[in-house]
Amino acid sequence: MSEQKIWEKKKVCIIDDDPHLREIYFTKFTQEGFQVVVAVDGEEGLKSIQETRPDIVLLDLQMPVKNGIEVLQELDTDEVLSKIPVIVLTNIDNEEAFKEVGKFETRFYLIKSLTTPQQAVDYVREVL
């Protein structure tokens, strides 16, 4: 089975309020063979996770309505959804945010400005 086929069945949920980044990551993950679901804020992201049950979530921290920490808190309280791996993809590069995220079971904490879309795909593949 080709590598493309392996990822066709895997669903990624991208939660980010930046329309340009959503489009870039949507395009890259689609090209790499993933199914992609996007959400513009934490509240929409939670609904999307509940409805689509993705295999993994890429989560921004700074968003309107519900921020990434609030999403992590809600996921953590749900027995099923808490098992979905989360990769934080944010521009917040400080120890306080890192410690806050560390209270939850996230797989990677990536800084957007230091992470290419291909690297994000590679991290997702590593987790899955």
N, C-alpha and C. Protein backbone atom coordinates (compact mmCIF):
# COMPACT_ATOMS: atom_id res chain seq x y z
N MET A 1 0.85 -1.18 0.00
CA MET A 1 0.00 0.00 0.00
C MET A 1 0.89 1.24 0.00
N SER A 2 0.59 2.20 -0.84
CA SER A 2 1.41 3.41 -0.90
C SER A 2 1.21 4.25 0.35
N GLU A 3 2.20 5.11 0.62
CA GLU A 3 2.12 5.96 1.81
C GLU A 3 0.90 6.88 1.72
N GLN A 4 0.58 7.35 0.51
CA GLN A 4 -0.60 8.20 0.32
C GLN A 4 -1.86 7.48 0.81
N LYS A 5 -1.99 6.20 0.49
CA LYS A 5 -3.17 5.43 0.89
C LYS A 5 -3.27 5.29 2.41
N ILE A 6 -2.13 5.15 3.07
CA ILE A 6 -2.12 4.99 4.53
C ILE A 6 -2.80 6.18 5.19
N TRP A 7 -2.52 7.39 4.70
CA TRP A 7 -3.01 8.61 5.35
C TRP A 7 -4.41 9.01 4.89
N GLU A 8 -4.91 8.41 3.79
CA GLU A 8 -6.23 8.79 3.28
C GLU A 8 -7.33 8.60 4.31
N LYS A 9 -7.18 7.63 5.16
CA LYS A 9 -8.22 7.34 6.14
C LYS A 9 -8.07 8.18 7.40
N LYS A 10 -6.97 8.89 7.55
CA LYS A 10 -6.70 9.66 8.77
C LYS A 10 -7.28 11.07 8.64
N LYS A 11 -7.98 11.48 9.69
CA LYS A 11 -8.65 12.78 9.68
C LYS A 11 -7.96 13.74 10.65
N VAL A 12 -7.60 14.92 10.15
CA VAL A 12 -6.96 15.96 10.93
C VAL A 12 -7.95 17.11 11.12
N CYS A 13 -8.08 17.57 12.35
CA CYS A 13 -8.91 18.76 12.63
C CYS A 13 -7.96 19.91 12.94
N ILE A 14 -8.05 20.97 12.14
CA ILE A 14 -7.21 22.15 12.32
C ILE A 14 -8.07 23.26 12.90
N ILE A 15 -7.71 23.71 14.11
CA ILE A 15 -8.47 24.77 14.78
C ILE A 15 -7.57 25.99 14.89
N ASP A 16 -7.88 27.02 14.09
CA ASP A 16 -7.06 28.22 14.05
C ASP A 16 -7.91 29.37 13.51
N ASP A 17 -7.79 30.54 14.13
CA ASP A 17 -8.60 31.67 13.69
C ASP A 17 -7.98 32.44 12.53
N ASP A 18 -6.76 32.11 12.13
CA ASP A 18 -6.10 32.80 11.02
C ASP A 18 -6.49 32.12 9.70
N PRO A 19 -7.27 32.81 8.84
CA PRO A 19 -7.75 32.18 7.61
C PRO A 19 -6.62 31.76 6.67
N HIS A 20 -5.53 32.53 6.63
CA HIS A 20 -4.42 32.18 5.73
C HIS A 20 -3.73 30.90 6.20
N LEU A 21 -3.49 30.80 7.50
CA LEU A 21 -2.85 29.58 8.02
C LEU A 21 -3.76 28.38 7.85
N ARG A 22 -5.06 28.55 8.10
CA ARG A 22 -5.99 27.43 7.90
C ARG A 22 -5.91 26.93 6.47
N GLU A 23 -5.90 27.87 5.53
CA GLU A 23 -5.85 27.49 4.12
C GLU A 23 -4.54 26.78 3.77
N ILE A 24 -3.42 27.31 4.25
CA ILE A 24 -2.12 26.70 3.98
C ILE A 24 -2.07 25.28 4.53
N TYR A 25 -2.49 25.10 5.79
CA TYR A 25 -2.43 23.77 6.40
C TYR A 25 -3.47 22.83 5.80
N PHE A 26 -4.64 23.37 5.47
CA PHE A 26 -5.67 22.55 4.80
C PHE A 26 -5.10 22.00 3.49
N THR A 27 -4.51 22.89 2.70
CA THR A 27 -3.95 22.49 1.40
C THR A 27 -2.84 21.46 1.57
N LYS A 28 -1.92 21.71 2.49
CA LYS A 28 -0.78 20.81 2.67
C LYS A 28 -1.22 19.43 3.13
N PHE A 29 -2.09 19.37 4.15
CA PHE A 29 -2.53 18.06 4.65
C PHE A 29 -3.37 17.32 3.60
N THR A 30 -4.16 18.05 2.83
CA THR A 30 -4.94 17.42 1.76
C THR A 30 -4.01 16.84 0.70
N GLN A 31 -2.99 17.61 0.31
CA GLN A 31 -2.01 17.13 -0.67
C GLN A 31 -1.29 15.88 -0.17
N GLU A 32 -1.11 15.79 1.14
CA GLU A 32 -0.40 14.65 1.74
C GLU A 32 -1.33 13.45 1.96
N GLY A 33 -2.60 13.60 1.57
CA GLY A 33 -3.51 12.46 1.61
C GLY A 33 -4.41 12.35 2.83
N PHE A 34 -4.41 13.36 3.69
CA PHE A 34 -5.26 13.34 4.87
C PHE A 34 -6.65 13.89 4.54
N GLN A 35 -7.64 13.47 5.31
CA GLN A 35 -8.93 14.14 5.31
C GLN A 35 -8.77 15.30 6.30
N VAL A 36 -9.28 16.47 5.95
CA VAL A 36 -9.07 17.65 6.79
C VAL A 36 -10.39 18.32 7.12
N VAL A 37 -10.54 18.66 8.40
CA VAL A 37 -11.67 19.43 8.89
C VAL A 37 -11.08 20.68 9.53
N VAL A 38 -11.67 21.85 9.26
CA VAL A 38 -11.15 23.09 9.85
C VAL A 38 -12.21 23.77 10.70
N ALA A 39 -11.74 24.54 11.68
CA ALA A 39 -12.62 25.33 12.54
C ALA A 39 -11.96 26.67 12.80
N VAL A 40 -12.78 27.72 12.94
CA VAL A 40 -12.26 29.08 13.07
C VAL A 40 -12.03 29.54 14.50
N ASP A 41 -12.58 28.81 15.48
CA ASP A 41 -12.36 29.15 16.87
C ASP A 41 -12.54 27.90 17.73
N GLY A 42 -12.26 28.05 19.02
CA GLY A 42 -12.32 26.89 19.90
C GLY A 42 -13.70 26.26 20.03
N GLU A 43 -14.73 27.09 20.05
CA GLU A 43 -16.08 26.55 20.18
C GLU A 43 -16.47 25.73 18.96
N GLU A 44 -16.22 26.29 17.77
CA GLU A 44 -16.50 25.56 16.54
C GLU A 44 -15.63 24.30 16.47
N GLY A 45 -14.39 24.43 16.94
CA GLY A 45 -13.48 23.29 16.95
C GLY A 45 -13.99 22.15 17.82
N LEU A 46 -14.50 22.47 19.00
CA LEU A 46 -15.05 21.43 19.88
C LEU A 46 -16.24 20.73 19.22
N LYS A 47 -17.11 21.51 18.60
CA LYS A 47 -18.25 20.90 17.90
C LYS A 47 -17.78 19.99 16.79
N SER A 48 -16.79 20.45 16.06
CA SER A 48 -16.24 19.67 14.96
C SER A 48 -15.62 18.37 15.48
N ILE A 49 -14.89 18.44 16.57
CA ILE A 49 -14.27 17.25 17.15
C ILE A 49 -15.36 16.26 17.59
N GLN A 50 -16.40 16.78 18.22
CA GLN A 50 -17.49 15.90 18.68
C GLN A 50 -18.20 15.23 17.51
N GLU A 51 -18.39 15.97 16.42
CA GLU A 51 -19.13 15.45 15.28
C GLU A 51 -18.29 14.55 14.37
N THR A 52 -17.03 14.90 14.16
CA THR A 52 -16.23 14.19 13.15
C THR A 52 -15.25 13.18 13.74
N ARG A 53 -14.98 13.27 15.05
CA ARG A 53 -14.03 12.35 15.71
C ARG A 53 -12.73 12.20 14.92
N PRO A 54 -11.96 13.29 14.80
CA PRO A 54 -10.72 13.22 14.03
C PRO A 54 -9.70 12.30 14.71
N ASP A 55 -8.70 11.90 13.95
CA ASP A 55 -7.63 11.08 14.49
C ASP A 55 -6.62 11.92 15.27
N ILE A 56 -6.55 13.21 14.94
CA ILE A 56 -5.62 14.12 15.60
C ILE A 56 -6.12 15.55 15.42
N VAL A 57 -5.72 16.43 16.36
CA VAL A 57 -6.12 17.84 16.32
C VAL A 57 -4.87 18.72 16.32
N LEU A 58 -4.85 19.71 15.43
CA LEU A 58 -3.85 20.78 15.46
C LEU A 58 -4.56 21.99 16.05
N LEU A 59 -4.07 22.49 17.17
CA LEU A 59 -4.80 23.48 17.96
C LEU A 59 -3.99 24.73 18.21
N ASP A 60 -4.54 25.88 17.82
CA ASP A 60 -3.96 27.17 18.16
C ASP A 60 -4.39 27.51 19.59
N LEU A 61 -3.63 28.37 20.27
CA LEU A 61 -4.01 28.76 21.63
C LEU A 61 -4.77 30.08 21.67
N GLN A 62 -4.36 31.04 20.84
CA GLN A 62 -5.00 32.36 20.86
C GLN A 62 -6.11 32.42 19.82
N MET A 63 -7.36 32.34 20.32
CA MET A 63 -8.52 32.39 19.42
C MET A 63 -9.68 33.05 20.14
N PRO A 64 -10.60 33.60 19.36
CA PRO A 64 -11.81 34.16 19.98
C PRO A 64 -12.77 33.06 20.43
N VAL A 65 -13.78 33.42 21.15
CA VAL A 65 -14.87 32.58 21.66
C VAL A 65 -14.34 31.62 22.72
N LYS A 66 -13.59 30.60 22.31
CA LYS A 66 -12.89 29.71 23.24
C LYS A 66 -11.44 29.62 22.78
N ASN A 67 -10.51 29.81 23.72
CA ASN A 67 -9.11 29.70 23.33
C ASN A 67 -8.66 28.24 23.41
N GLY A 68 -7.43 27.99 23.03
CA GLY A 68 -6.92 26.63 22.99
C GLY A 68 -6.88 25.95 24.35
N ILE A 69 -6.57 26.69 25.40
CA ILE A 69 -6.54 26.11 26.75
C ILE A 69 -7.95 25.66 27.14
N GLU A 70 -8.95 26.46 26.83
CA GLU A 70 -10.34 26.08 27.14
C GLU A 70 -10.75 24.83 26.36
N VAL A 71 -10.28 24.72 25.12
CA VAL A 71 -10.56 23.51 24.32
C VAL A 71 -9.91 22.31 24.99
N LEU A 72 -8.65 22.44 25.40
CA LEU A 72 -7.96 21.34 26.07
C LEU A 72 -8.69 20.93 27.36
N GLN A 73 -9.17 21.93 28.12
CA GLN A 73 -9.90 21.64 29.36
C GLN A 73 -11.16 20.83 29.07
N GLU A 74 -11.90 21.23 28.04
CA GLU A 74 -13.14 20.51 27.71
C GLU A 74 -12.86 19.11 27.18
N LEU A 75 -11.84 18.98 26.34
CA LEU A 75 -11.48 17.66 25.83
C LEU A 75 -11.07 16.73 26.98
N ASP A 76 -10.37 17.30 27.94
CA ASP A 76 -9.86 16.53 29.07
C ASP A 76 -10.98 15.93 29.93
N THR A 77 -12.15 16.57 29.91
CA THR A 77 -13.26 16.09 30.75
C THR A 77 -14.11 15.03 30.05
N ASP A 78 -13.84 14.78 28.77
CA ASP A 78 -14.62 13.81 28.01
C ASP A 78 -13.81 12.52 27.84
N GLU A 79 -14.35 11.43 28.30
CA GLU A 79 -13.62 10.16 28.30
C GLU A 79 -13.18 9.72 26.91
N VAL A 80 -14.02 9.94 25.91
CA VAL A 80 -13.71 9.53 24.54
C VAL A 80 -12.81 10.56 23.85
N LEU A 81 -13.21 11.83 23.90
CA LEU A 81 -12.48 12.87 23.18
C LEU A 81 -11.09 13.11 23.76
N SER A 82 -10.91 12.83 25.04
CA SER A 82 -9.60 13.05 25.66
C SER A 82 -8.54 12.11 25.11
N LYS A 83 -8.96 11.06 24.41
CA LYS A 83 -8.01 10.11 23.83
C LYS A 83 -7.49 10.56 22.46
N ILE A 84 -8.10 11.59 21.89
CA ILE A 84 -7.66 12.10 20.59
C ILE A 84 -6.38 12.92 20.81
N PRO A 85 -5.29 12.57 20.11
CA PRO A 85 -4.04 13.32 20.30
C PRO A 85 -4.16 14.76 19.81
N VAL A 86 -3.52 15.67 20.54
CA VAL A 86 -3.53 17.09 20.20
C VAL A 86 -2.10 17.58 20.05
N ILE A 87 -1.87 18.32 18.97
CA ILE A 87 -0.61 19.03 18.77
C ILE A 87 -0.94 20.51 18.84
N VAL A 88 -0.28 21.23 19.75
CA VAL A 88 -0.48 22.67 19.85
C VAL A 88 0.40 23.33 18.80
N LEU A 89 -0.20 24.20 18.00
CA LEU A 89 0.50 24.95 16.95
C LEU A 89 0.15 26.42 17.16
N THR A 90 1.07 27.15 17.76
CA THR A 90 0.77 28.51 18.21
C THR A 90 1.96 29.44 18.01
N ASN A 91 1.73 30.72 18.18
CA ASN A 91 2.83 31.68 18.18
C ASN A 91 3.18 32.13 19.60
N ILE A 92 2.53 31.56 20.59
CA ILE A 92 2.85 31.90 21.98
C ILE A 92 4.09 31.12 22.39
N ASP A 93 5.16 31.84 22.58
CA ASP A 93 6.44 31.21 22.89
C ASP A 93 6.91 31.69 24.26
N ASN A 94 6.17 31.27 25.30
CA ASN A 94 6.62 31.63 26.64
C ASN A 94 6.39 30.47 27.61
N GLU A 95 7.11 30.49 28.68
CA GLU A 95 7.10 29.38 29.62
C GLU A 95 5.74 29.20 30.30
N GLU A 96 5.06 30.30 30.57
CA GLU A 96 3.76 30.23 31.24
C GLU A 96 2.75 29.42 30.39
N ALA A 97 2.69 29.73 29.10
CA ALA A 97 1.78 29.00 28.20
C ALA A 97 2.21 27.54 28.10
N PHE A 98 3.50 27.32 28.00
CA PHE A 98 4.02 25.96 27.89
C PHE A 98 3.63 25.14 29.13
N LYS A 99 3.75 25.74 30.32
CA LYS A 99 3.38 25.04 31.56
C LYS A 99 1.88 24.77 31.60
N GLU A 100 1.08 25.74 31.16
CA GLU A 100 -0.38 25.57 31.15
C GLU A 100 -0.78 24.42 30.24
N VAL A 101 -0.19 24.38 29.06
CA VAL A 101 -0.47 23.30 28.11
C VAL A 101 0.02 21.97 28.68
N GLY A 102 1.12 22.02 29.43
CA GLY A 102 1.70 20.81 30.01
C GLY A 102 0.79 20.08 30.98
N LYS A 103 -0.26 20.73 31.45
CA LYS A 103 -1.23 20.09 32.36
C LYS A 103 -2.10 19.09 31.61
N PHE A 104 -2.06 19.15 30.29
CA PHE A 104 -2.90 18.29 29.46
C PHE A 104 -2.02 17.36 28.66
N GLU A 105 -2.63 16.34 28.10
CA GLU A 105 -1.86 15.36 27.33
C GLU A 105 -1.75 15.79 25.87
N THR A 106 -0.89 16.76 25.62
CA THR A 106 -0.62 17.16 24.24
C THR A 106 0.64 16.44 23.78
N ARG A 107 0.78 16.26 22.49
CA ARG A 107 1.92 15.50 21.96
C ARG A 107 3.11 16.38 21.63
N PHE A 108 2.86 17.54 21.03
CA PHE A 108 3.93 18.47 20.69
C PHE A 108 3.43 19.88 20.92
N TYR A 109 4.37 20.79 21.19
CA TYR A 109 4.08 22.21 21.31
C TYR A 109 4.94 22.88 20.24
N LEU A 110 4.31 23.25 19.13
CA LEU A 110 5.03 23.80 18.00
C LEU A 110 4.78 25.31 17.89
N ILE A 111 5.84 26.04 17.54
CA ILE A 111 5.73 27.48 17.31
C ILE A 111 5.53 27.68 15.81
N LYS A 112 4.43 28.34 15.45
CA LYS A 112 4.08 28.51 14.03
C LYS A 112 5.23 29.09 13.21
N SER A 113 5.85 30.14 13.72
CA SER A 113 6.89 30.83 12.94
C SER A 113 8.14 29.97 12.76
N LEU A 114 8.27 28.90 13.55
CA LEU A 114 9.45 28.03 13.45
C LEU A 114 9.12 26.67 12.82
N THR A 115 7.86 26.49 12.41
CA THR A 115 7.41 25.19 11.91
C THR A 115 6.83 25.34 10.51
N THR A 116 7.39 24.62 9.56
CA THR A 116 6.84 24.65 8.20
C THR A 116 5.62 23.73 8.13
N PRO A 117 4.76 23.93 7.15
CA PRO A 117 3.63 23.00 6.98
C PRO A 117 4.11 21.54 6.83
N GLN A 118 5.22 21.33 6.12
CA GLN A 118 5.73 19.96 5.97
C GLN A 118 6.16 19.38 7.31
N GLN A 119 6.78 20.20 8.16
CA GLN A 119 7.17 19.72 9.49
C GLN A 119 5.93 19.37 10.31
N ALA A 120 4.87 20.16 10.18
CA ALA A 120 3.63 19.86 10.90
C ALA A 120 3.07 18.51 10.45
N VAL A 121 3.10 18.25 9.15
CA VAL A 121 2.66 16.95 8.61
C VAL A 121 3.52 15.84 9.20
N ASP A 122 4.82 16.06 9.24
CA ASP A 122 5.74 15.05 9.78
C ASP A 122 5.44 14.75 11.25
N TYR A 123 5.17 15.79 12.03
CA TYR A 123 4.83 15.58 13.44
C TYR A 123 3.52 14.80 13.58
N VAL A 124 2.55 15.14 12.76
CA VAL A 124 1.27 14.42 12.79
C VAL A 124 1.50 12.93 12.47
N ARG A 125 2.28 12.68 11.45
CA ARG A 125 2.58 11.28 11.09
C ARG A 125 3.29 10.57 12.23
N GLU A 126 4.19 11.27 12.91
CA GLU A 126 4.90 10.65 14.03
C GLU A 126 3.93 10.25 15.14
N VAL A 127 2.97 11.11 15.42
CA VAL A 127 1.99 10.82 16.49
C VAL A 127 1.08 9.68 16.08
N LEU A 128 0.65 9.68 14.80
CA LEU A 128 -0.28 8.65 14.36
C LEU A 128 0.44 7.34 14.07
